Structure formats: structure tokens, C-alpha cells
Amino acid sequence: MKKKKMFTGNMRELAMLVALVVIIVFFYICTQGKILKPMNISNLINQNAYVVILAIGMLLCILTGGNIDLSVGSTVALIGACAAIFIIEWHWNVYLSIVLCLLLGIGIGMWQGFWIAYMNIPPFITTLSGMLVFRGATLLILKGGETIGPFPKAYQSLSTGFLPEIGGTVVLFGQKLNVLALIVGLIIVAVFCAMQIINNINRKRKGYETDAPFALAVKMVAISAIILFLFYKLASFRGIPTVLVILGLLLLVYSFFTQKTVRGRHLYAIGGNMKAARLSGIKTKQMMFFAYTNMSFIAAIAGLVFAARLNSASPVAGQSFEMDAIASCFIGGASAYGGTGTIGGALVGALIMGVLNNGMSLMGLSQNLQQVVKGLVLLFAVAFDVMSKSNMIRLPKFAKKAEAK
């Protein structure tokens, strides 16, 4: 039984990667290669960084029992508006303003976390209220709908800047490449593969479920190929975007938190069975409070990044951002019932959403049609999760043979 479950889990992870590759190939053909141009890949990262950032925070909320935060889009707009007031109108120091905006995000999260965790108001209602309150506050700050900008270059570099060309450039295959981007790509691949192997060995030594060797090898090769291809393309343009460093740090920190810490495991336990988690001594109220405080903190980071990319604070910023974040988590393998999901899966889901957004825009599809496509993708992702849990989706023949062996 354990082998079967583990193989099914591997199949889900591989299916996400395969789906991402298939979508990229589809848009590569439909856009005549435009989607994989070095400049477009760099733009894709800058344009969709907020999706990845929000998906990281949203995953923690979903882990607690399929709960979501509907206020993140409004929080993004509010933080962007506050940053504009601090930096542009009041001429405060850029870095002091960033810190104040992050503290404001934490305060917003504590407000919502209090009502959810300690007053037992359903997350849907609390965050729906927050969505309305924070959007209204944004309009008040922006005097009914004014757009404030531009930001100074020091602030813009959060989203549109690039790391300096340390090491210069090198000519490879007749193309000038950024050395730093190539080295960072190779280091990430080496560290990723080493961690996958070490983690599998440790789990086997402790008697836990482990990845099947074939599935582990396929996952390592596929992800390594994607990483190397990405950094090769970045090296062909202007190198590593600053926002990619922010994303990398967030992914590392939250991956470690969810997989290697006691509190991270508590989130999974709460999502698996809230009552059992409480009886086992887990402080469920504190963990719920943390999940929603953290979500608003993450939304504050996304708000700062998004405002830097727009180079202005807009009253319509953040609209439907919560939908993209929720969809990324569910597409990436998070369960609609909570207790299941990974940061890596959320990343893949966010990449799928980003590629869909970018590819359909390059094809000239209308926003209305794009909404239809993204809505169907979300529905099918959740349907796949539900059907797989009810054994409506069967393992393929080769998986059954592997299980029998």
C-alpha cells in the first residue's frame, strides 16, 4: 500500500512537470518561438513574480484545511499605495518605507488572524471583509482613484533590476552569455540533486516512504534541465533579475519551514484533522493565527514588488490576484481539503499560470477568453485531486507492474 501511495504521489509531481512542458511547447509553436526568447523569459519572471510570492503564502493557509485568503489582492494594492505615499509624496527613505510597509502587512495579518483564530469567524468571511476594507482604504489613500508615480530607481530595482555582471561575459556557441547566471544555474542544479539524494537516503534509513528510483531520477533530470535552460536564457539577455533572488530566498525559507520544522509539520497536521491535532497538543489557534499573519506579510512583499514593476501605485492594482494565487496552489497539487501540498508544487502551479498568461497574451487572446481558460484549468486541477482521492483515477499499467514488483 505504501508503495502504491508513493508511486501515485510521484506520478502527480511528474504530471505537473509534464503539463508545464507541454504548455510551453504548445505556446512555443503557436507564438513561433516568441515565448522562449530570452527577453520574454526575463519579462515573464518580472510580470509573474507576484503570483509565485502570493502562492507561497496561500499554500500555508490552504494546508490548514483548504482555507483561502480573499483579501490578498486588496492588501497588495494597499501596500503599494502606502509605499507611494511614503516614498513619493512624503519623501521618506526608500528602505525605511519598505520596512514600514512590511510591518503594515504583518499588522493586517494579525488583525485577520485574530478574528479567524481566536474569534472563530470563518476565514472566508473574515478575508472577504478584508478584501472590501483594504480596497476601500486604498481608494481613500489614493484620493478616490489617482495613480501616484514614478518611484525612484532604488525602489524600481526591486522588480525591474538585474544583478551586476560579476565575472563578465563569455562567448559560447557564438553567443555572449552572462557568467554569473551560468554559474548560479549550475550551483542550483548541483545543490538540488544532492539534496534530493540525501533526503531520499535519510527517509529510507528512518523507515519512511521514499521515492521510487526511476521516479526520483526522472524528477531530478526534468527539473535540472528546466533550471539549466532557464539560466541559459537569462544569461543570453541581461543576467539574473533582482526579483528572482527574492523569489529564490522565499522558496528556500518556506520550503525549509514546511518540510523540516515542527511548526511546519503542525500545519499539515491541522489540515489533516483539526480535532486530532488539538488533542495531540498542537496549538491550533496559534498556528491559524500564524498562517494568516504570514499571508498578509507575503502579500506586502508582493505589493512592493508589483508597485515597483508598475512604477506607480494604482487603485486597481491587485484585482483577481487572489484567484491566481489560489489556482497556482491547487494546480500545483495542494488538496482542496488541506493537509497536502508543497512549496515546490505551488511554484510549478504558479509557473503554469504565468506561462498561460504570457502565452495567451502573445497570441493576442482577449482577457475574457483568458479568464475562461484559467477557470477551466483550476476546475480540472481540483477535480483531479478529488477523483484521485476517491480512487476514480487508476494507476497506469506500468505503475501497477512497478507496484507488484
Protein backbone atom coordinates (compact mmCIF):
# COMPACT_ATOMS: atom_id res chain seq x y z
CA MET A 1 0.00 0.00 0.00
CA LYS A 2 2.81 2.39 0.86
CA LYS A 3 4.49 1.79 -2.47
CA LYS A 4 1.27 2.42 -4.29
CA LYS A 5 0.68 5.73 -2.48
CA MET A 6 4.24 6.81 -3.03
CA PHE A 7 4.14 5.99 -6.70
CA THR A 8 0.88 7.87 -7.07
CA GLY A 9 2.45 10.88 -5.39
CA ASN A 10 5.39 10.72 -7.78
CA MET A 11 3.03 10.47 -10.72
CA ARG A 12 1.30 13.66 -9.59
CA GLU A 13 4.59 15.54 -9.31
CA LEU A 14 5.75 14.29 -12.70
CA ALA A 15 2.36 15.07 -14.21
CA MET A 16 2.71 18.72 -13.14
CA LEU A 17 6.14 18.99 -14.75
CA VAL A 18 4.95 17.26 -17.90
CA ALA A 19 1.93 19.59 -18.07
CA LEU A 20 4.24 22.62 -17.74
CA VAL A 21 6.50 21.37 -20.54
CA VAL A 22 3.52 20.57 -22.79
CA ILE A 23 2.04 24.04 -22.26
CA ILE A 24 5.40 25.68 -23.05
CA VAL A 25 5.79 23.60 -26.22
CA PHE A 26 2.22 24.44 -27.27
CA PHE A 27 2.78 28.19 -26.91
CA TYR A 28 6.23 27.89 -28.50
CA ILE A 29 4.56 26.56 -31.62
CA CYS A 30 1.63 28.98 -31.52
CA THR A 31 3.82 32.06 -30.95
CA GLN A 32 6.54 30.97 -33.38
CA GLY A 33 9.11 30.73 -30.62
CA LYS A 34 8.44 34.13 -29.04
CA ILE A 35 7.63 32.69 -25.62
CA LEU A 36 11.16 31.28 -25.23
CA LYS A 37 13.01 34.39 -26.35
CA PRO A 38 15.49 35.46 -23.64
CA MET A 39 13.84 38.87 -23.28
CA ASN A 40 10.38 37.33 -22.94
CA ILE A 41 11.55 34.84 -20.31
CA SER A 42 13.03 37.69 -18.28
CA ASN A 43 9.80 39.66 -18.69
CA LEU A 44 7.76 36.58 -17.74
CA ILE A 45 9.66 36.35 -14.44
CA ASN A 46 9.16 40.05 -13.69
CA GLN A 47 5.48 40.02 -14.68
CA ASN A 48 4.53 36.92 -12.71
CA ALA A 49 6.74 37.23 -9.63
CA TYR A 50 3.73 38.31 -7.59
CA VAL A 51 1.93 35.04 -8.46
CA VAL A 52 4.77 32.93 -7.06
CA ILE A 53 5.10 35.11 -3.96
CA LEU A 54 1.39 35.02 -3.17
CA ALA A 55 1.18 31.27 -3.87
CA ILE A 56 3.82 30.63 -1.19
CA GLY A 57 1.73 32.36 1.46
CA MET A 58 -1.57 30.99 0.20
CA LEU A 59 -0.27 27.43 0.43
CA LEU A 60 0.18 27.76 4.20
CA CYS A 61 -3.45 28.88 4.55
CA ILE A 62 -4.68 26.02 2.36
CA LEU A 63 -2.67 23.48 4.37
CA THR A 64 -4.70 24.34 7.47
CA GLY A 65 -7.83 22.82 5.96
CA GLY A 66 -8.41 24.12 2.46
CA ASN A 67 -8.87 27.68 3.77
CA ILE A 68 -8.10 30.62 1.49
CA ASP A 69 -7.42 34.34 1.86
CA LEU A 70 -9.58 36.50 -0.40
CA SER A 71 -8.01 39.77 0.75
CA VAL A 72 -4.52 39.39 -0.71
CA GLY A 73 -5.26 41.38 -3.88
CA SER A 74 -6.58 44.30 -1.86
CA THR A 75 -3.60 44.03 0.51
CA VAL A 76 -1.25 44.22 -2.49
CA ALA A 77 -2.99 47.44 -3.63
CA LEU A 78 -2.97 48.95 -0.12
CA ILE A 79 0.74 48.27 0.43
CA GLY A 80 1.59 49.72 -2.98
CA ALA A 81 -0.41 52.84 -2.17
CA CYS A 82 1.31 53.24 1.21
CA ALA A 83 4.73 52.82 -0.42
CA ALA A 84 3.87 55.57 -2.91
CA ILE A 85 2.74 57.93 -0.16
CA PHE A 86 5.84 57.28 1.96
CA ILE A 87 8.40 57.45 -0.84
CA ILE A 88 6.95 59.80 -3.47
CA GLU A 89 4.76 62.25 -1.56
CA TRP A 90 6.43 62.30 1.85
CA HIS A 91 9.98 61.72 0.51
CA TRP A 92 10.89 59.18 3.15
CA ASN A 93 13.92 56.91 2.84
CA VAL A 94 13.22 54.03 0.43
CA TYR A 95 14.44 51.27 2.72
CA LEU A 96 12.70 52.68 5.80
CA SER A 97 9.48 52.84 3.77
CA ILE A 98 9.88 49.22 2.70
CA VAL A 99 10.29 48.11 6.31
CA LEU A 100 7.22 50.12 7.36
CA CYS A 101 5.17 48.56 4.56
CA LEU A 102 6.20 45.07 5.65
CA LEU A 103 5.24 45.89 9.25
CA LEU A 104 1.90 47.17 7.99
CA GLY A 105 1.39 43.86 6.19
CA ILE A 106 2.09 41.99 9.41
CA GLY A 107 -0.40 44.23 11.23
CA ILE A 108 -3.07 43.48 8.64
CA GLY A 109 -2.42 39.77 9.02
CA MET A 110 -2.61 39.95 12.81
CA TRP A 111 -5.97 41.72 12.54
CA GLN A 112 -7.40 39.00 10.31
CA GLY A 113 -5.67 36.19 12.20
CA PHE A 114 -7.24 37.38 15.46
CA TRP A 115 -10.80 37.12 14.10
CA ILE A 116 -10.13 33.77 12.44
CA ALA A 117 -8.14 32.01 15.15
CA TYR A 118 -9.49 33.46 18.38
CA MET A 119 -12.99 34.64 17.50
CA ASN A 120 -13.75 31.63 15.27
CA ILE A 121 -15.00 33.73 12.35
CA PRO A 122 -14.72 31.61 9.16
CA PRO A 123 -11.68 32.57 7.05
CA PHE A 124 -13.89 33.08 4.00
CA ILE A 125 -15.98 35.74 5.78
CA THR A 126 -13.04 37.42 7.52
CA THR A 127 -10.93 37.74 4.39
CA LEU A 128 -13.94 38.75 2.28
CA SER A 129 -14.43 41.59 4.74
CA GLY A 130 -10.72 42.38 4.47
CA MET A 131 -10.96 42.45 0.68
CA LEU A 132 -13.61 45.19 0.87
CA VAL A 133 -12.00 47.14 3.74
CA PHE A 134 -8.48 47.22 2.30
CA ARG A 135 -9.68 48.08 -1.22
CA GLY A 136 -11.68 50.95 0.23
CA ALA A 137 -8.67 52.09 2.28
CA THR A 138 -6.57 52.06 -0.91
CA LEU A 139 -9.06 54.32 -2.67
CA LEU A 140 -9.07 56.69 0.30
CA ILE A 141 -5.27 56.87 0.38
CA LEU A 142 -5.14 57.48 -3.37
CA LYS A 143 -7.82 60.16 -3.06
CA GLY A 144 -10.56 58.28 -4.84
CA GLY A 145 -8.55 56.76 -7.66
CA GLU A 146 -5.43 58.76 -8.50
CA THR A 147 -2.32 56.98 -9.71
CA ILE A 148 0.86 58.04 -7.91
CA GLY A 149 4.28 57.66 -9.55
CA PRO A 150 7.01 57.31 -10.62
CA PHE A 151 9.17 55.68 -7.97
CA PRO A 152 12.91 56.37 -7.62
CA LYS A 153 15.28 53.94 -9.32
CA ALA A 154 16.42 52.48 -5.99
CA TYR A 155 12.88 51.26 -5.42
CA GLN A 156 12.24 50.16 -9.02
CA SER A 157 15.23 47.83 -8.85
CA LEU A 158 13.17 45.56 -6.58
CA SER A 159 11.30 44.30 -9.61
CA THR A 160 12.97 45.54 -12.76
CA GLY A 161 16.66 45.50 -11.81
CA PHE A 162 19.36 42.90 -12.58
CA LEU A 163 22.35 41.63 -10.64
CA PRO A 164 25.66 43.19 -11.73
CA GLU A 165 27.75 41.27 -14.26
CA ILE A 166 30.20 39.77 -11.78
CA GLY A 167 32.67 37.72 -13.82
CA GLY A 168 31.78 39.48 -17.04
CA THR A 169 30.62 37.57 -20.10
CA VAL A 170 31.75 34.56 -22.09
CA VAL A 171 31.09 33.60 -25.70
CA LEU A 172 29.52 30.15 -26.06
CA PHE A 173 28.09 28.74 -29.28
CA GLY A 174 28.59 32.14 -30.88
CA GLN A 175 26.51 33.91 -28.21
CA LYS A 176 27.61 36.24 -25.44
CA LEU A 177 26.49 34.88 -22.05
CA ASN A 178 26.45 36.28 -18.53
CA VAL A 179 28.95 34.24 -16.48
CA LEU A 180 27.23 34.83 -13.14
CA ALA A 181 23.90 33.49 -14.45
CA LEU A 182 25.58 30.33 -15.79
CA ILE A 183 27.45 29.67 -12.54
CA VAL A 184 24.35 30.23 -10.39
CA GLY A 185 22.35 27.86 -12.60
CA LEU A 186 24.95 25.09 -12.25
CA ILE A 187 25.19 25.59 -8.47
CA ILE A 188 21.40 25.39 -8.07
CA VAL A 189 21.26 22.14 -10.08
CA ALA A 190 24.09 20.58 -8.07
CA VAL A 191 22.54 21.56 -4.73
CA PHE A 192 19.07 20.41 -5.82
CA CYS A 193 20.29 16.97 -6.94
CA ALA A 194 22.41 16.50 -3.82
CA MET A 195 19.51 17.43 -1.54
CA GLN A 196 17.13 15.06 -3.35
CA ILE A 197 19.54 12.13 -2.98
CA ILE A 198 20.41 12.89 0.65
CA ASN A 199 16.75 13.35 1.58
CA ASN A 200 15.83 10.04 -0.04
CA ILE A 201 18.65 8.23 1.80
CA ASN A 202 17.66 9.75 5.14
CA ARG A 203 14.00 8.84 4.68
CA LYS A 204 14.94 5.27 3.79
CA ARG A 205 17.20 4.99 6.85
CA LYS A 206 14.36 6.16 9.11
CA GLY A 207 11.88 3.76 7.55
CA TYR A 208 9.76 6.45 5.86
CA GLU A 209 8.26 6.24 2.40
CA THR A 210 10.80 7.05 -0.31
CA ASP A 211 10.67 7.95 -3.97
CA ALA A 212 10.94 5.10 -6.43
CA PRO A 213 14.44 5.26 -8.03
CA PHE A 214 13.04 5.71 -11.52
CA ALA A 215 10.67 8.48 -10.44
CA LEU A 216 13.45 10.21 -8.47
CA ALA A 217 15.79 10.08 -11.46
CA VAL A 218 13.14 11.40 -13.86
CA LYS A 219 12.24 14.23 -11.47
CA MET A 220 15.89 15.22 -10.99
CA VAL A 221 16.66 15.18 -14.71
CA ALA A 222 13.49 17.06 -15.65
CA ILE A 223 13.87 19.79 -13.03
CA SER A 224 17.62 20.14 -13.65
CA ALA A 225 17.00 20.53 -17.38
CA ILE A 226 14.39 23.23 -16.75
CA ILE A 227 16.71 25.11 -14.36
CA LEU A 228 19.67 24.98 -16.75
CA PHE A 229 17.54 26.08 -19.69
CA LEU A 230 16.12 28.98 -17.68
CA PHE A 231 19.50 30.30 -16.57
CA TYR A 232 20.97 29.83 -20.06
CA LYS A 233 18.21 32.05 -21.42
CA LEU A 234 18.74 34.60 -18.66
CA ALA A 235 22.48 34.57 -19.38
CA SER A 236 21.65 35.33 -23.01
CA PHE A 237 19.83 38.53 -22.02
CA ARG A 238 20.84 40.73 -19.07
CA GLY A 239 21.53 38.13 -16.42
CA ILE A 240 19.63 37.38 -13.22
CA PRO A 241 16.69 39.67 -12.37
CA THR A 242 16.70 41.04 -8.83
CA VAL A 243 13.19 39.76 -8.23
CA LEU A 244 14.39 36.22 -8.98
CA VAL A 245 16.74 36.48 -5.99
CA ILE A 246 13.79 37.50 -3.80
CA LEU A 247 11.78 34.55 -5.11
CA GLY A 248 14.67 32.16 -4.52
CA LEU A 249 15.10 33.25 -0.91
CA LEU A 250 11.37 32.94 -0.20
CA LEU A 251 11.22 29.48 -1.78
CA LEU A 252 14.21 28.26 0.23
CA VAL A 253 12.96 29.65 3.56
CA TYR A 254 9.41 28.38 3.22
CA SER A 255 10.43 25.01 1.79
CA PHE A 256 12.64 24.50 4.83
CA PHE A 257 9.91 25.72 7.17
CA THR A 258 7.18 23.43 5.81
CA GLN A 259 9.33 20.33 5.39
CA LYS A 260 11.96 20.50 8.13
CA THR A 261 10.44 22.28 11.13
CA VAL A 262 7.99 21.16 13.80
CA ARG A 263 5.66 24.10 13.23
CA GLY A 264 5.65 23.39 9.53
CA ARG A 265 4.51 19.82 10.20
CA HIS A 266 1.86 21.19 12.54
CA LEU A 267 0.25 22.98 9.59
CA TYR A 268 -0.08 19.66 7.77
CA ALA A 269 -1.46 18.01 10.90
CA ILE A 270 -4.10 20.70 11.33
CA GLY A 271 -5.19 20.28 7.73
CA GLY A 272 -5.31 16.51 8.10
CA ASN A 273 -7.53 16.57 11.19
CA MET A 274 -8.02 19.72 13.25
CA LYS A 275 -9.57 17.96 16.24
CA ALA A 276 -6.90 15.26 16.39
CA ALA A 277 -4.18 17.89 16.09
CA ARG A 278 -5.66 19.84 19.02
CA LEU A 279 -5.93 16.71 21.16
CA SER A 280 -2.32 15.81 20.40
CA GLY A 281 -1.13 19.09 21.90
CA ILE A 282 -0.74 21.24 18.80
CA LYS A 283 -1.67 24.86 19.46
CA THR A 284 -4.12 25.09 16.58
CA LYS A 285 -5.23 28.65 17.29
CA GLN A 286 -1.67 29.94 17.28
CA MET A 287 -0.93 28.12 14.01
CA MET A 288 -4.05 29.54 12.34
CA PHE A 289 -3.07 33.00 13.59
CA PHE A 290 0.43 32.50 12.17
CA ALA A 291 -0.83 31.27 8.78
CA TYR A 292 -2.93 34.39 8.14
CA THR A 293 -0.42 36.82 9.63
CA ASN A 294 2.19 35.31 7.35
CA MET A 295 -0.15 35.52 4.35
CA SER A 296 -0.52 39.29 4.72
CA PHE A 297 3.25 39.65 5.23
CA ILE A 298 3.79 37.77 1.97
CA ALA A 299 1.12 39.92 0.29
CA ALA A 300 3.04 43.00 1.46
CA ILE A 301 6.17 41.71 -0.29
CA ALA A 302 4.11 41.06 -3.43
CA GLY A 303 2.64 44.56 -3.16
CA LEU A 304 6.08 46.16 -3.00
CA VAL A 305 7.32 44.11 -5.96
CA PHE A 306 4.23 44.78 -8.05
CA ALA A 307 4.28 48.53 -7.39
CA ALA A 308 7.96 48.60 -8.38
CA ARG A 309 7.16 46.84 -11.67
CA LEU A 310 4.29 49.23 -12.45
CA ASN A 311 6.47 52.15 -11.29
CA SER A 312 3.33 53.57 -9.69
CA ALA A 313 0.57 52.90 -7.18
CA SER A 314 -2.77 52.21 -8.84
CA PRO A 315 -6.25 51.89 -7.29
CA VAL A 316 -6.94 48.84 -9.49
CA ALA A 317 -3.71 47.03 -8.60
CA GLY A 318 -4.14 43.53 -7.22
CA GLN A 319 -7.51 42.77 -8.79
CA SER A 320 -8.00 38.97 -9.10
CA PHE A 321 -4.53 38.31 -7.65
CA GLU A 322 -6.07 36.04 -5.04
CA MET A 323 -7.51 33.90 -7.83
CA ASP A 324 -4.11 33.43 -9.45
CA ALA A 325 -2.53 32.50 -6.10
CA ILE A 326 -5.28 30.03 -5.19
CA ALA A 327 -5.23 28.48 -8.65
CA SER A 328 -1.42 28.10 -8.51
CA CYS A 329 -1.62 26.15 -5.25
CA PHE A 330 -4.36 23.79 -6.42
CA ILE A 331 -2.79 23.26 -9.83
CA GLY A 332 0.48 22.56 -8.02
CA GLY A 333 -1.01 19.67 -6.07
CA ALA A 334 -2.42 21.26 -2.91
CA SER A 335 -5.54 19.50 -1.68
CA ALA A 336 -8.86 21.32 -1.55
CA TYR A 337 -9.32 19.68 1.87
CA GLY A 338 -6.00 20.80 3.34
CA GLY A 339 -3.05 18.85 4.73
CA THR A 340 -1.45 18.24 1.32
CA GLY A 341 0.80 20.43 -0.80
CA THR A 342 4.39 21.59 -1.19
CA ILE A 343 6.16 24.85 -1.91
CA GLY A 344 7.71 23.24 -4.99
CA GLY A 345 4.28 22.25 -6.22
CA ALA A 346 2.98 25.78 -5.69
CA LEU A 347 5.95 27.06 -7.71
CA VAL A 348 5.15 24.74 -10.61
CA GLY A 349 1.49 25.76 -10.42
CA ALA A 350 2.47 29.44 -10.47
CA LEU A 351 4.74 28.80 -13.48
CA ILE A 352 1.85 27.15 -15.29
CA MET A 353 -0.39 30.15 -14.55
CA GLY A 354 2.37 32.55 -15.62
CA VAL A 355 3.04 30.73 -18.87
CA LEU A 356 -0.69 30.62 -19.61
CA ASN A 357 -0.99 34.37 -19.01
CA ASN A 358 2.07 35.20 -21.08
CA GLY A 359 1.37 32.74 -23.90
CA MET A 360 -2.23 33.79 -24.37
CA SER A 361 -1.20 37.46 -24.35
CA LEU A 362 1.42 36.78 -27.04
CA MET A 363 -1.25 35.04 -29.10
CA GLY A 364 -3.44 38.12 -28.81
CA LEU A 365 -6.29 36.38 -26.98
CA SER A 366 -8.77 38.61 -25.20
CA GLN A 367 -8.83 38.92 -21.42
CA ASN A 368 -12.31 37.39 -21.40
CA LEU A 369 -11.10 34.21 -23.10
CA GLN A 370 -8.05 34.08 -20.84
CA GLN A 371 -10.32 34.07 -17.79
CA VAL A 372 -12.29 31.16 -19.25
CA VAL A 373 -9.14 29.11 -19.86
CA LYS A 374 -7.70 29.77 -16.39
CA GLY A 375 -11.02 28.95 -14.75
CA LEU A 376 -11.22 25.61 -16.55
CA VAL A 377 -7.60 24.78 -15.66
CA LEU A 378 -8.38 25.42 -11.97
CA LEU A 379 -11.54 23.28 -12.12
CA PHE A 380 -9.75 20.34 -13.74
CA ALA A 381 -6.85 20.56 -11.25
CA VAL A 382 -9.19 20.34 -8.24
CA ALA A 383 -11.28 17.65 -9.96
CA PHE A 384 -8.11 15.60 -10.47
CA ASP A 385 -7.31 15.89 -6.75
CA VAL A 386 -10.82 14.90 -5.69
CA MET A 387 -11.05 11.96 -8.12
CA SER A 388 -7.60 10.66 -7.22
CA LYS A 389 -8.54 10.65 -3.53
CA SER A 390 -11.74 8.71 -4.26
CA ASN A 391 -9.84 6.19 -6.45
CA MET A 392 -11.71 7.33 -9.56
CA ILE A 393 -8.31 7.71 -11.26
CA ARG A 394 -6.44 4.44 -11.59
CA LEU A 395 -2.72 3.91 -11.88
CA PRO A 396 -1.47 3.20 -15.41
CA LYS A 397 -0.38 -0.36 -16.23
CA PHE A 398 3.32 0.31 -15.89
CA ALA A 399 2.69 1.76 -12.41
CA LYS A 400 0.80 -1.36 -11.37
CA LYS A 401 3.71 -3.51 -12.54
CA ALA A 402 6.12 -1.40 -10.53
CA GLU A 403 3.88 -1.78 -7.50
CA ALA A 404 3.70 -5.57 -7.93
CA LYS A 405 7.48 -5.79 -8.06
